[in-house]
Structures are given as structure tokens and as C-alpha cells.
C-alpha atoms as a PDB file:
ATOM      1  CA  MET A   1     -16.059 -29.379 -12.567  1.00  0.00           C
ATOM      2  CA  GLN A   2     -13.882 -28.731  -9.514  1.00  0.00           C
ATOM      3  CA  ARG A   3     -10.723 -29.600 -11.456  1.00  0.00           C
ATOM      4  CA  LYS A   4     -11.589 -27.107 -14.219  1.00  0.00           C
ATOM      5  CA  ASN A   5     -11.944 -24.297 -11.667  1.00  0.00           C
ATOM      6  CA  CYS A   6      -8.582 -25.218 -10.149  1.00  0.00           C
ATOM      7  CA  ASN A   7      -6.878 -25.179 -13.572  1.00  0.00           C
ATOM      8  CA  GLU A   8      -8.479 -21.821 -14.410  1.00  0.00           C
ATOM      9  CA  LYS A   9      -7.250 -20.363 -11.109  1.00  0.00           C
ATOM     10  CA  ILE A  10      -3.724 -21.616 -11.736  1.00  0.00           C
ATOM     11  CA  ALA A  11      -3.728 -20.150 -15.249  1.00  0.00           C
ATOM     12  CA  MET A  12      -5.086 -16.842 -13.941  1.00  0.00           C
ATOM     13  CA  SER A  13      -2.502 -16.792 -11.156  1.00  0.00           C
ATOM     14  CA  ALA A  14       0.279 -17.389 -13.674  1.00  0.00           C
ATOM     15  CA  ASN A  15      -1.040 -14.566 -15.865  1.00  0.00           C
ATOM     16  CA  VAL A  16      -1.279 -12.185 -12.916  1.00  0.00           C
ATOM     17  CA  LEU A  17       2.228 -13.115 -11.798  1.00  0.00           C
ATOM     18  CA  GLU A  18       3.594 -12.561 -15.298  1.00  0.00           C
ATOM     19  CA  PHE A  19       1.809  -9.206 -15.553  1.00  0.00           C
ATOM     20  CA  SER A  20       3.106  -8.176 -12.121  1.00  0.00           C
ATOM     21  CA  THR A  21       6.702  -8.883 -13.108  1.00  0.00           C
ATOM     22  CA  TYR A  22       6.123  -7.083 -16.420  1.00  0.00           C
ATOM     23  CA  CYS A  23       4.915  -3.997 -14.560  1.00  0.00           C
ATOM     24  CA  ILE A  24       7.740  -4.057 -12.016  1.00  0.00           C
ATOM     25  CA  GLY A  25      10.432  -4.543 -14.666  1.00  0.00           C
ATOM     26  CA  ASN A  26       9.168  -1.837 -16.981  1.00  0.00           C
ATOM     27  CA  LEU A  27       8.461   0.615 -14.171  1.00  0.00           C
ATOM     28  CA  SER A  28      11.997   0.048 -12.940  1.00  0.00           C
ATOM     29  CA  GLU A  29      13.347   1.083 -16.339  1.00  0.00           C
ATOM     30  CA  VAL A  30      11.052   4.093 -16.646  1.00  0.00           C
ATOM     31  CA  LEU A  31      11.806   5.403 -13.145  1.00  0.00           C
ATOM     32  CA  HIS A  32      15.478   4.368 -13.063  1.00  0.00           C
ATOM     33  CA  ILE A  33      14.897   2.548  -9.770  1.00  0.00           C
ATOM     34  CA  ASN A  34      15.990  -1.048  -9.155  1.00  0.00           C
ATOM     35  CA  GLN A  35      13.279  -3.690  -9.359  1.00  0.00           C
ATOM     36  CA  SER A  36      13.464  -4.639  -5.675  1.00  0.00           C
ATOM     37  CA  ASP A  37      12.797  -1.046  -4.677  1.00  0.00           C
ATOM     38  CA  VAL A  38       9.920  -0.734  -7.154  1.00  0.00           C
ATOM     39  CA  TYR A  39       8.435  -3.941  -5.743  1.00  0.00           C
ATOM     40  CA  ARG A  40       8.722  -2.716  -2.131  1.00  0.00           C
ATOM     41  CA  ARG A  41       7.117   0.606  -3.004  1.00  0.00           C
ATOM     42  CA  LEU A  42       4.244  -1.040  -4.886  1.00  0.00           C
ATOM     43  CA  VAL A  43       3.599  -3.465  -2.030  1.00  0.00           C
ATOM     44  CA  SER A  44       3.844  -0.898   0.775  1.00  0.00           C
ATOM     45  CA  SER A  45       1.467   1.483  -1.020  1.00  0.00           C
ATOM     46  CA  GLY A  46      -1.046  -1.251  -1.880  1.00  0.00           C
ATOM     47  CA  ILE A  47      -0.678  -0.561  -5.598  1.00  0.00           C
ATOM     48  CA  LEU A  48       0.572  -4.049  -6.428  1.00  0.00           C
ATOM     49  CA  LYS A  49      -2.567  -5.628  -5.008  1.00  0.00           C
ATOM     50  CA  ASP A  50      -5.130  -2.922  -5.846  1.00  0.00           C
ATOM     51  CA  TYR A  51      -4.055  -1.953  -9.347  1.00  0.00           C
ATOM     52  CA  VAL A  52      -1.781  -4.619 -10.757  1.00  0.00           C
ATOM     53  CA  MET A  53      -3.287  -7.821  -9.342  1.00  0.00           C
ATOM     54  CA  ASP A  54      -6.923  -7.107  -8.469  1.00  0.00           C
ATOM     55  CA  ALA A  55      -7.576  -5.090 -11.642  1.00  0.00           C
ATOM     56  CA  TYR A  56      -5.618  -7.448 -13.922  1.00  0.00           C
ATOM     57  CA  ASP A  57      -8.652  -8.253 -16.092  1.00  0.00           C
ATOM     58  CA  VAL A  58      -8.803  -4.640 -17.237  1.00  0.00           C
ATOM     59  CA  THR A  59      -5.296  -3.240 -16.810  1.00  0.00           C
ATOM     60  CA  HIS A  60      -3.473  -5.923 -18.779  1.00  0.00           C
ATOM     61  CA  THR A  61      -5.266  -4.673 -21.903  1.00  0.00           C
ATOM     62  CA  TYR A  62      -3.808  -1.146 -21.593  1.00  0.00           C
ATOM     63  CA  SER A  63      -0.760  -0.002 -23.511  1.00  0.00           C
ATOM     64  CA  LYS A  64       2.629  -0.148 -21.828  1.00  0.00           C
ATOM     65  CA  ALA A  65       2.834   3.654 -21.797  1.00  0.00           C
ATOM     66  CA  SER A  66      -0.586   3.953 -20.189  1.00  0.00           C
ATOM     67  CA  ILE A  67       0.207   1.375 -17.509  1.00  0.00           C
ATOM     68  CA  MET A  68       3.524   3.032 -16.673  1.00  0.00           C
ATOM     69  CA  GLN A  69       1.892   6.462 -16.475  1.00  0.00           C
ATOM     70  CA  ASP A  70      -0.925   5.160 -14.258  1.00  0.00           C
ATOM     71  CA  LEU A  71       1.516   3.389 -11.946  1.00  0.00           C
ATOM     72  CA  SER A  72       3.781   6.451 -11.704  1.00  0.00           C
ATOM     73  CA  ASP A  73       0.815   8.692 -10.946  1.00  0.00           C
ATOM     74  CA  LEU A  74      -0.495   6.293  -8.303  1.00  0.00           C
ATOM     75  CA  MET A  75       2.927   6.055  -6.698  1.00  0.00           C
ATOM     76  CA  LYS A  76       3.097   9.859  -6.460  1.00  0.00           C
ATOM     77  CA  LEU A  77      -0.444  10.032  -5.085  1.00  0.00           C
ATOM     78  CA  ARG A  78       0.334   7.438  -2.412  1.00  0.00           C
ATOM     79  CA  GLY A  79       3.614   9.089  -1.470  1.00  0.00           C
ATOM     80  CA  VAL A  80       6.059   6.401  -2.566  1.00  0.00           C
ATOM     81  CA  LEU A  81       7.581   8.332  -5.445  1.00  0.00           C
END
């Protein structure tokens, strides 16, 4: 039982990591900002953890356009854009 939980956590972590890089890469293209800068802004504002990682179960089902709009709006709200 313990091993199954560990494997599920690893799979979830890989999915969250993949989704995080997807968001950073696409947001970089949409905003015309390099990926390192997008990453720093998302981390410093808490958006990477709060929206991208912690809400992965829900947000990964949204359309690309919706995710990019939400992230842009959040970045403006939190003063990093």
C-alpha cells in the first residue's frame, strides 16, 4: 500500500512539473517575456504555487487560452505584470 502511494505521488509530481513548464513556456510566448523572467514573476507573486501547482487538479483541464488569460490577470492583480 505504501509503495502505491509513493508511485502516485511521483506520477502527480511529474504531471504538475510538466504542467508548470507548459504554463511558463506558453505564458512567455503570450507576454513576449523570456521564460526565466516569467518563472521569477510567478514564484515571487505566489502564482506558481497557488494557481499552477496547488490547483493543478482543476486548472490543467482548462483551455490554453483560459489558462493564459487567468495567469495574465493574476500577474496584473499581484503587481508582477
